[in-house]
Amino acid sequence: MKIVLLGYMASGKSAVGRILSEKLNIQFIDLDSFIEDKEQLSISQIFETKGEIYFRKIEGIYLYELLNSKEKVVISLGGGTPCYGNNMDFIENMSTSFYLKATIDTIFERLKNETSQRPLVATIGAENLKEYIAKHLFERAPYYDKAQHTVLVNNKNVEQIIDEILLLR
């Protein structure tokens, strides 16, 4: 069993994934953390030193590695992971996927004070952030919508989201 959580930045993928994996008594892997361990660099350092194209290439390789393993696991993806290469095909064919769907306003509220920790929005600035989120969500929605299940996360706590995932799986 592989459960994949996808969605935009700050939709709750890692927080939900950690607790969901505990409830199911299986391993949790945050793809970004997995990449950092394998590459011995932070995601920001990879973007700065090797570029986004390199990052997206290795992201797909490591995703496939995780999905192809024999382990039962909950995997939280980076926001862009489903949108590159064959990643969404791998996700569709090798896991049960859940799109944690949040509105632009919900994402903005969660991101506006932590832009420095997010490589793709670090240079945007809070004044341009909402427009950036809206544009990105519009571009990424066709990929996110391919998930087998969609869970609306606005105004829900982590436990409510997990309960919904457990009912749907």
N, C-alpha and C. Protein backbone atom coordinates (compact mmCIF):
# COMPACT_ATOMS: atom_id res chain seq x y z
N MET A 1 0.85 -1.19 0.00
CA MET A 1 0.00 0.00 0.00
C MET A 1 0.88 1.24 0.00
N LYS A 2 0.63 2.11 -0.95
CA LYS A 2 1.29 3.40 -1.04
C LYS A 2 0.20 4.46 -1.09
N ILE A 3 0.27 5.41 -0.17
CA ILE A 3 -0.65 6.55 -0.18
C ILE A 3 0.18 7.78 -0.49
N VAL A 4 -0.23 8.53 -1.50
CA VAL A 4 0.48 9.74 -1.90
C VAL A 4 -0.42 10.94 -1.65
N LEU A 5 0.14 11.93 -0.97
CA LEU A 5 -0.56 13.19 -0.70
C LEU A 5 0.04 14.26 -1.59
N LEU A 6 -0.81 14.89 -2.40
CA LEU A 6 -0.33 15.94 -3.27
C LEU A 6 -1.19 17.17 -3.10
N GLY A 7 -0.67 18.29 -3.57
CA GLY A 7 -1.38 19.56 -3.47
C GLY A 7 -0.37 20.69 -3.42
N TYR A 8 -0.89 21.90 -3.36
CA TYR A 8 -0.03 23.08 -3.39
C TYR A 8 0.73 23.24 -2.08
N MET A 9 1.74 24.08 -2.11
CA MET A 9 2.47 24.42 -0.89
C MET A 9 1.48 24.81 0.21
N ALA A 10 1.78 24.39 1.42
CA ALA A 10 1.01 24.76 2.61
C ALA A 10 -0.41 24.18 2.64
N SER A 11 -0.64 23.14 1.86
CA SER A 11 -1.97 22.51 1.91
C SER A 11 -2.06 21.49 3.04
N GLY A 12 -0.95 21.20 3.70
CA GLY A 12 -0.97 20.30 4.86
C GLY A 12 -0.46 18.90 4.59
N LYS A 13 0.19 18.70 3.46
CA LYS A 13 0.62 17.35 3.06
C LYS A 13 1.53 16.70 4.09
N SER A 14 2.53 17.41 4.57
CA SER A 14 3.47 16.81 5.52
C SER A 14 2.83 16.58 6.89
N ALA A 15 2.10 17.56 7.37
CA ALA A 15 1.45 17.41 8.69
C ALA A 15 0.45 16.26 8.68
N VAL A 16 -0.36 16.19 7.64
CA VAL A 16 -1.34 15.12 7.51
C VAL A 16 -0.62 13.77 7.32
N GLY A 17 0.40 13.75 6.49
CA GLY A 17 1.12 12.52 6.20
C GLY A 17 1.74 11.90 7.44
N ARG A 18 2.35 12.72 8.28
CA ARG A 18 2.99 12.21 9.50
C ARG A 18 1.98 11.49 10.39
N ILE A 19 0.87 12.14 10.64
CA ILE A 19 -0.12 11.57 11.56
C ILE A 19 -0.86 10.40 10.91
N LEU A 20 -1.17 10.52 9.63
CA LEU A 20 -1.82 9.43 8.91
C LEU A 20 -0.97 8.16 8.96
N SER A 21 0.32 8.31 8.75
CA SER A 21 1.21 7.13 8.77
C SER A 21 1.23 6.49 10.16
N GLU A 22 1.18 7.30 11.20
CA GLU A 22 1.13 6.76 12.57
C GLU A 22 -0.16 5.96 12.77
N LYS A 23 -1.26 6.51 12.32
CA LYS A 23 -2.55 5.82 12.48
C LYS A 23 -2.58 4.50 11.72
N LEU A 24 -1.92 4.46 10.56
CA LEU A 24 -1.90 3.25 9.75
C LEU A 24 -0.73 2.33 10.12
N ASN A 25 0.13 2.82 11.01
CA ASN A 25 1.31 2.09 11.46
C ASN A 25 2.22 1.71 10.29
N ILE A 26 2.43 2.68 9.39
CA ILE A 26 3.36 2.49 8.27
C ILE A 26 4.30 3.70 8.21
N GLN A 27 5.33 3.58 7.41
CA GLN A 27 6.35 4.61 7.29
C GLN A 27 5.79 5.87 6.63
N PHE A 28 6.32 7.03 7.05
CA PHE A 28 6.02 8.31 6.40
C PHE A 28 7.29 8.83 5.75
N ILE A 29 7.18 9.29 4.51
CA ILE A 29 8.30 9.92 3.83
C ILE A 29 7.84 11.22 3.19
N ASP A 30 8.49 12.30 3.56
CA ASP A 30 8.31 13.58 2.90
C ASP A 30 9.32 13.59 1.75
N LEU A 31 8.84 13.68 0.52
CA LEU A 31 9.72 13.56 -0.65
C LEU A 31 10.85 14.59 -0.61
N ASP A 32 10.55 15.83 -0.23
CA ASP A 32 11.61 16.85 -0.17
C ASP A 32 12.70 16.45 0.83
N SER A 33 12.31 15.96 2.00
CA SER A 33 13.30 15.52 3.00
C SER A 33 14.11 14.33 2.48
N PHE A 34 13.43 13.42 1.79
CA PHE A 34 14.09 12.25 1.20
C PHE A 34 15.16 12.71 0.20
N ILE A 35 14.80 13.69 -0.64
CA ILE A 35 15.74 14.23 -1.63
C ILE A 35 16.92 14.89 -0.92
N GLU A 36 16.63 15.67 0.11
CA GLU A 36 17.71 16.33 0.86
C GLU A 36 18.69 15.32 1.44
N ASP A 37 18.15 14.23 2.00
CA ASP A 37 19.02 13.18 2.55
C ASP A 37 19.88 12.54 1.46
N LYS A 38 19.27 12.22 0.33
CA LYS A 38 19.99 11.56 -0.77
C LYS A 38 21.05 12.47 -1.39
N GLU A 39 20.71 13.74 -1.54
CA GLU A 39 21.61 14.68 -2.22
C GLU A 39 22.58 15.38 -1.26
N GLN A 40 22.33 15.25 0.04
CA GLN A 40 23.15 15.92 1.05
C GLN A 40 23.18 17.44 0.86
N LEU A 41 22.04 17.97 0.40
CA LEU A 41 21.85 19.41 0.21
C LEU A 41 20.41 19.73 0.54
N SER A 42 20.15 20.96 1.00
CA SER A 42 18.76 21.37 1.20
C SER A 42 18.13 21.62 -0.16
N ILE A 43 16.80 21.64 -0.20
CA ILE A 43 16.11 21.93 -1.47
C ILE A 43 16.56 23.30 -1.98
N SER A 44 16.66 24.28 -1.10
CA SER A 44 17.11 25.62 -1.51
C SER A 44 18.50 25.56 -2.11
N GLN A 45 19.40 24.79 -1.50
CA GLN A 45 20.76 24.67 -2.04
C GLN A 45 20.76 23.99 -3.40
N ILE A 46 19.91 22.98 -3.57
CA ILE A 46 19.84 22.31 -4.87
C ILE A 46 19.39 23.30 -5.94
N PHE A 47 18.33 24.09 -5.62
CA PHE A 47 17.84 25.09 -6.58
C PHE A 47 18.94 26.10 -6.90
N GLU A 48 19.66 26.56 -5.86
CA GLU A 48 20.68 27.59 -6.05
C GLU A 48 21.90 27.08 -6.82
N THR A 49 22.35 25.87 -6.50
CA THR A 49 23.62 25.39 -7.07
C THR A 49 23.45 24.56 -8.34
N LYS A 50 22.32 23.86 -8.47
CA LYS A 50 22.16 22.96 -9.60
C LYS A 50 20.98 23.31 -10.49
N GLY A 51 20.08 24.16 -9.98
CA GLY A 51 18.97 24.64 -10.79
C GLY A 51 17.71 23.79 -10.67
N GLU A 52 16.61 24.39 -11.11
CA GLU A 52 15.31 23.72 -11.00
C GLU A 52 15.22 22.50 -11.93
N ILE A 53 15.81 22.57 -13.10
CA ILE A 53 15.73 21.44 -14.03
C ILE A 53 16.37 20.20 -13.41
N TYR A 54 17.54 20.37 -12.82
CA TYR A 54 18.20 19.25 -12.13
C TYR A 54 17.30 18.72 -11.01
N PHE A 55 16.75 19.66 -10.22
CA PHE A 55 15.89 19.25 -9.12
C PHE A 55 14.70 18.43 -9.61
N ARG A 56 14.03 18.90 -10.65
CA ARG A 56 12.85 18.19 -11.15
C ARG A 56 13.22 16.80 -11.68
N LYS A 57 14.40 16.68 -12.27
CA LYS A 57 14.85 15.39 -12.78
C LYS A 57 15.04 14.40 -11.63
N ILE A 58 15.79 14.80 -10.60
CA ILE A 58 16.04 13.87 -9.49
C ILE A 58 14.77 13.63 -8.67
N GLU A 59 13.91 14.62 -8.62
CA GLU A 59 12.63 14.47 -7.92
C GLU A 59 11.85 13.29 -8.52
N GLY A 60 11.79 13.23 -9.84
CA GLY A 60 11.10 12.14 -10.52
C GLY A 60 11.77 10.80 -10.28
N ILE A 61 13.09 10.79 -10.29
CA ILE A 61 13.84 9.55 -10.04
C ILE A 61 13.56 9.03 -8.64
N TYR A 62 13.64 9.91 -7.65
CA TYR A 62 13.42 9.48 -6.26
C TYR A 62 11.96 9.11 -6.00
N LEU A 63 11.03 9.80 -6.64
CA LEU A 63 9.62 9.44 -6.51
C LEU A 63 9.40 8.02 -7.03
N TYR A 64 9.93 7.73 -8.21
CA TYR A 64 9.78 6.40 -8.78
C TYR A 64 10.40 5.34 -7.87
N GLU A 65 11.56 5.65 -7.33
CA GLU A 65 12.23 4.73 -6.40
C GLU A 65 11.32 4.39 -5.22
N LEU A 66 10.72 5.41 -4.64
CA LEU A 66 9.84 5.20 -3.48
C LEU A 66 8.58 4.42 -3.87
N LEU A 67 7.98 4.78 -4.99
CA LEU A 67 6.75 4.11 -5.41
C LEU A 67 7.01 2.66 -5.84
N ASN A 68 8.21 2.39 -6.29
CA ASN A 68 8.56 1.06 -6.77
C ASN A 68 9.06 0.14 -5.65
N SER A 69 9.24 0.67 -4.46
CA SER A 69 9.73 -0.15 -3.35
C SER A 69 8.61 -1.06 -2.84
N LYS A 70 8.98 -2.04 -2.06
CA LYS A 70 8.01 -2.99 -1.51
C LYS A 70 7.37 -2.47 -0.22
N GLU A 71 7.88 -1.37 0.29
CA GLU A 71 7.43 -0.83 1.57
C GLU A 71 6.01 -0.26 1.50
N LYS A 72 5.28 -0.42 2.60
CA LYS A 72 4.02 0.31 2.76
C LYS A 72 4.41 1.69 3.28
N VAL A 73 3.84 2.72 2.67
CA VAL A 73 4.33 4.06 2.99
C VAL A 73 3.29 5.13 2.65
N VAL A 74 3.33 6.21 3.42
CA VAL A 74 2.61 7.45 3.09
C VAL A 74 3.68 8.42 2.62
N ILE A 75 3.48 8.99 1.45
CA ILE A 75 4.45 9.92 0.86
C ILE A 75 3.78 11.27 0.66
N SER A 76 4.40 12.32 1.19
CA SER A 76 3.92 13.68 0.87
C SER A 76 4.86 14.25 -0.18
N LEU A 77 4.28 14.82 -1.21
CA LEU A 77 5.03 15.35 -2.34
C LEU A 77 5.26 16.84 -2.20
N GLY A 78 6.22 17.34 -2.95
CA GLY A 78 6.34 18.78 -3.11
C GLY A 78 5.20 19.27 -3.99
N GLY A 79 4.89 20.53 -3.90
CA GLY A 79 3.75 21.07 -4.65
C GLY A 79 3.85 20.89 -6.15
N GLY A 80 5.07 20.92 -6.70
CA GLY A 80 5.23 20.80 -8.14
C GLY A 80 5.45 19.39 -8.64
N THR A 81 5.68 18.45 -7.73
CA THR A 81 6.04 17.09 -8.13
C THR A 81 5.11 16.48 -9.19
N PRO A 82 3.79 16.57 -9.04
CA PRO A 82 2.91 15.90 -10.02
C PRO A 82 2.97 16.50 -11.42
N CYS A 83 3.55 17.69 -11.53
CA CYS A 83 3.46 18.47 -12.77
C CYS A 83 4.62 18.25 -13.73
N TYR A 84 5.56 17.40 -13.38
CA TYR A 84 6.76 17.26 -14.20
C TYR A 84 6.97 15.82 -14.63
N GLY A 85 7.55 15.67 -15.81
CA GLY A 85 7.91 14.35 -16.32
C GLY A 85 6.73 13.39 -16.32
N ASN A 86 7.02 12.16 -15.95
CA ASN A 86 5.99 11.11 -15.85
C ASN A 86 5.46 10.94 -14.43
N ASN A 87 5.72 11.90 -13.58
CA ASN A 87 5.40 11.75 -12.17
C ASN A 87 3.94 11.41 -11.91
N MET A 88 3.02 12.10 -12.59
CA MET A 88 1.60 11.84 -12.33
C MET A 88 1.21 10.45 -12.82
N ASP A 89 1.81 9.98 -13.89
CA ASP A 89 1.55 8.61 -14.35
C ASP A 89 2.01 7.60 -13.30
N PHE A 90 3.20 7.82 -12.73
CA PHE A 90 3.70 6.94 -11.67
C PHE A 90 2.73 6.94 -10.49
N ILE A 91 2.31 8.12 -10.10
CA ILE A 91 1.42 8.27 -8.94
C ILE A 91 0.10 7.54 -9.19
N GLU A 92 -0.48 7.76 -10.37
CA GLU A 92 -1.76 7.14 -10.71
C GLU A 92 -1.68 5.62 -10.73
N ASN A 93 -0.58 5.08 -11.25
CA ASN A 93 -0.46 3.64 -11.45
C ASN A 93 0.14 2.87 -10.28
N MET A 94 0.79 3.57 -9.36
CA MET A 94 1.54 2.88 -8.32
C MET A 94 1.13 3.23 -6.90
N SER A 95 0.02 3.98 -6.74
CA SER A 95 -0.38 4.41 -5.40
C SER A 95 -1.86 4.76 -5.37
N THR A 96 -2.33 5.04 -4.18
CA THR A 96 -3.63 5.67 -3.99
C THR A 96 -3.32 7.13 -3.67
N SER A 97 -3.85 8.05 -4.46
CA SER A 97 -3.47 9.45 -4.33
C SER A 97 -4.62 10.31 -3.81
N PHE A 98 -4.23 11.31 -3.03
CA PHE A 98 -5.17 12.25 -2.43
C PHE A 98 -4.67 13.67 -2.69
N TYR A 99 -5.52 14.46 -3.30
CA TYR A 99 -5.24 15.88 -3.51
C TYR A 99 -5.80 16.63 -2.32
N LEU A 100 -4.93 17.24 -1.53
CA LEU A 100 -5.35 18.08 -0.42
C LEU A 100 -5.57 19.48 -1.00
N LYS A 101 -6.83 19.78 -1.24
CA LYS A 101 -7.21 20.98 -1.99
C LYS A 101 -7.55 22.13 -1.05
N ALA A 102 -6.85 23.23 -1.23
CA ALA A 102 -7.07 24.44 -0.43
C ALA A 102 -7.34 25.61 -1.37
N THR A 103 -8.09 26.59 -0.89
CA THR A 103 -8.36 27.78 -1.69
C THR A 103 -7.14 28.69 -1.71
N ILE A 104 -7.14 29.63 -2.63
CA ILE A 104 -6.07 30.62 -2.72
C ILE A 104 -5.93 31.36 -1.40
N ASP A 105 -7.05 31.76 -0.81
CA ASP A 105 -7.00 32.51 0.45
C ASP A 105 -6.40 31.68 1.59
N THR A 106 -6.76 30.42 1.66
CA THR A 106 -6.21 29.54 2.70
C THR A 106 -4.70 29.40 2.52
N ILE A 107 -4.26 29.16 1.31
CA ILE A 107 -2.83 29.01 1.04
C ILE A 107 -2.10 30.30 1.35
N PHE A 108 -2.67 31.42 0.92
CA PHE A 108 -2.04 32.72 1.18
C PHE A 108 -1.85 32.95 2.67
N GLU A 109 -2.89 32.70 3.45
CA GLU A 109 -2.80 32.90 4.90
C GLU A 109 -1.71 32.04 5.53
N ARG A 110 -1.56 30.82 5.03
CA ARG A 110 -0.55 29.92 5.57
C ARG A 110 0.87 30.28 5.12
N LEU A 111 1.00 30.85 3.92
CA LEU A 111 2.32 31.12 3.36
C LEU A 111 2.86 32.52 3.62
N LYS A 112 2.00 33.48 3.88
CA LYS A 112 2.45 34.87 3.87
C LYS A 112 3.57 35.18 4.86
N ASN A 113 3.68 34.41 5.94
CA ASN A 113 4.73 34.68 6.92
C ASN A 113 5.89 33.70 6.85
N GLU A 114 5.90 32.83 5.83
CA GLU A 114 7.02 31.89 5.74
C GLU A 114 7.62 31.80 4.35
N THR A 115 7.57 32.90 3.63
CA THR A 115 8.10 32.88 2.26
C THR A 115 9.59 32.59 2.23
N SER A 116 10.33 32.96 3.26
CA SER A 116 11.78 32.75 3.23
C SER A 116 12.16 31.27 3.27
N GLN A 117 11.27 30.41 3.78
CA GLN A 117 11.58 28.97 3.85
C GLN A 117 11.14 28.21 2.60
N ARG A 118 10.53 28.88 1.65
CA ARG A 118 10.01 28.21 0.46
C ARG A 118 10.75 28.75 -0.76
N PRO A 119 11.60 27.92 -1.39
CA PRO A 119 12.45 28.43 -2.47
C PRO A 119 11.69 29.09 -3.62
N LEU A 120 10.54 28.55 -4.00
CA LEU A 120 9.84 29.11 -5.15
C LEU A 120 9.11 30.42 -4.85
N VAL A 121 8.84 30.71 -3.58
CA VAL A 121 8.14 31.96 -3.28
C VAL A 121 9.01 32.96 -2.52
N ALA A 122 10.24 32.57 -2.21
CA ALA A 122 11.12 33.43 -1.42
C ALA A 122 11.34 34.79 -2.06
N THR A 123 11.38 34.85 -3.37
CA THR A 123 11.65 36.12 -4.05
C THR A 123 10.39 36.87 -4.47
N ILE A 124 9.23 36.30 -4.22
CA ILE A 124 7.97 36.89 -4.68
C ILE A 124 7.57 38.11 -3.85
N GLY A 125 7.68 37.99 -2.53
CA GLY A 125 7.23 39.06 -1.65
C GLY A 125 5.76 38.92 -1.35
N ALA A 126 5.38 39.28 -0.13
CA ALA A 126 4.00 39.11 0.33
C ALA A 126 2.99 39.86 -0.53
N GLU A 127 3.39 41.01 -1.07
CA GLU A 127 2.45 41.82 -1.86
C GLU A 127 2.07 41.16 -3.19
N ASN A 128 2.91 40.29 -3.70
CA ASN A 128 2.63 39.61 -4.97
C ASN A 128 2.24 38.14 -4.79
N LEU A 129 2.21 37.70 -3.54
CA LEU A 129 2.05 36.29 -3.27
C LEU A 129 0.70 35.73 -3.71
N LYS A 130 -0.38 36.45 -3.44
CA LYS A 130 -1.71 35.93 -3.77
C LYS A 130 -1.86 35.71 -5.27
N GLU A 131 -1.38 36.65 -6.06
CA GLU A 131 -1.46 36.52 -7.52
C GLU A 131 -0.60 35.34 -7.99
N TYR A 132 0.57 35.18 -7.39
CA TYR A 132 1.47 34.08 -7.73
C TYR A 132 0.80 32.74 -7.44
N ILE A 133 0.17 32.62 -6.27
CA ILE A 133 -0.54 31.40 -5.89
C ILE A 133 -1.65 31.10 -6.89
N ALA A 134 -2.44 32.11 -7.22
CA ALA A 134 -3.56 31.93 -8.15
C ALA A 134 -3.06 31.42 -9.51
N LYS A 135 -2.00 32.01 -10.01
CA LYS A 135 -1.43 31.60 -11.30
C LYS A 135 -0.93 30.17 -11.23
N HIS A 136 -0.17 29.87 -10.19
CA HIS A 136 0.38 28.52 -10.03
C HIS A 136 -0.72 27.47 -9.88
N LEU A 137 -1.73 27.77 -9.08
CA LEU A 137 -2.83 26.82 -8.90
C LEU A 137 -3.55 26.56 -10.21
N PHE A 138 -3.75 27.60 -10.99
CA PHE A 138 -4.40 27.46 -12.29
C PHE A 138 -3.58 26.51 -13.18
N GLU A 139 -2.25 26.69 -13.18
CA GLU A 139 -1.37 25.86 -14.01
C GLU A 139 -1.32 24.41 -13.52
N ARG A 140 -1.35 24.24 -12.21
CA ARG A 140 -1.15 22.91 -11.64
C ARG A 140 -2.45 22.12 -11.45
N ALA A 141 -3.57 22.78 -11.45
CA ALA A 141 -4.85 22.12 -11.19
C ALA A 141 -5.09 20.89 -12.08
N PRO A 142 -4.79 20.94 -13.38
CA PRO A 142 -5.04 19.75 -14.20
C PRO A 142 -4.27 18.51 -13.71
N TYR A 143 -3.11 18.72 -13.13
CA TYR A 143 -2.33 17.60 -12.58
C TYR A 143 -2.91 17.15 -11.24
N TYR A 144 -3.16 18.11 -10.37
CA TYR A 144 -3.73 17.79 -9.05
C TYR A 144 -5.06 17.06 -9.20
N ASP A 145 -5.86 17.50 -10.17
CA ASP A 145 -7.19 16.92 -10.34
C ASP A 145 -7.15 15.47 -10.82
N LYS A 146 -5.99 14.99 -11.23
CA LYS A 146 -5.86 13.58 -11.63
C LYS A 146 -5.75 12.64 -10.44
N ALA A 147 -5.60 13.20 -9.25
CA ALA A 147 -5.54 12.35 -8.05
C ALA A 147 -6.82 11.53 -7.95
N GLN A 148 -6.71 10.35 -7.38
CA GLN A 148 -7.88 9.48 -7.27
C GLN A 148 -8.94 10.06 -6.34
N HIS A 149 -8.50 10.82 -5.34
CA HIS A 149 -9.43 11.40 -4.36
C HIS A 149 -9.05 12.85 -4.12
N THR A 150 -10.05 13.68 -3.87
CA THR A 150 -9.82 15.08 -3.50
C THR A 150 -10.43 15.32 -2.13
N VAL A 151 -9.62 15.92 -1.25
CA VAL A 151 -10.08 16.25 0.10
C VAL A 151 -9.95 17.76 0.26
N LEU A 152 -11.07 18.42 0.49
CA LEU A 152 -11.04 19.87 0.73
C LEU A 152 -10.53 20.10 2.15
N VAL A 153 -9.52 20.95 2.28
CA VAL A 153 -8.86 21.13 3.58
C VAL A 153 -9.19 22.45 4.27
N ASN A 154 -9.88 23.35 3.59
CA ASN A 154 -10.20 24.64 4.19
C ASN A 154 -11.01 24.46 5.46
N ASN A 155 -10.63 25.18 6.50
CA ASN A 155 -11.36 25.18 7.77
C ASN A 155 -11.49 23.80 8.41
N LYS A 156 -10.54 22.91 8.11
CA LYS A 156 -10.53 21.59 8.74
C LYS A 156 -9.21 21.42 9.47
N ASN A 157 -9.28 20.71 10.60
CA ASN A 157 -8.03 20.39 11.27
C ASN A 157 -7.46 19.10 10.71
N VAL A 158 -6.25 18.78 11.13
CA VAL A 158 -5.54 17.62 10.59
C VAL A 158 -6.34 16.34 10.83
N GLU A 159 -6.92 16.19 12.00
CA GLU A 159 -7.69 14.98 12.32
C GLU A 159 -8.90 14.81 11.40
N GLN A 160 -9.58 15.90 11.10
CA GLN A 160 -10.73 15.83 10.20
C GLN A 160 -10.30 15.41 8.79
N ILE A 161 -9.18 15.92 8.35
CA ILE A 161 -8.66 15.57 7.03
C ILE A 161 -8.28 14.09 6.99
N ILE A 162 -7.61 13.63 8.03
CA ILE A 162 -7.20 12.22 8.11
C ILE A 162 -8.42 11.31 8.15
N ASP A 163 -9.42 11.67 8.92
CA ASP A 163 -10.65 10.86 8.98
C ASP A 163 -11.27 10.72 7.59
N GLU A 164 -11.27 11.81 6.83
CA GLU A 164 -11.83 11.78 5.47
C GLU A 164 -11.00 10.87 4.56
N ILE A 165 -9.68 10.96 4.67
CA ILE A 165 -8.79 10.09 3.88
C ILE A 165 -9.04 8.64 4.22
N LEU A 166 -9.16 8.34 5.48
CA LEU A 166 -9.37 6.94 5.90
C LEU A 166 -10.70 6.40 5.38
N LEU A 167 -11.70 7.26 5.31
CA LEU A 167 -13.00 6.83 4.76
C LEU A 167 -12.93 6.57 3.25
N LEU A 168 -12.14 7.38 2.55
CA LEU A 168 -12.06 7.29 1.09
C LEU A 168 -11.16 6.16 0.60
N ARG A 169 -10.16 5.82 1.36
CA ARG A 169 -9.17 4.86 0.84
C ARG A 169 -9.78 3.50 0.76
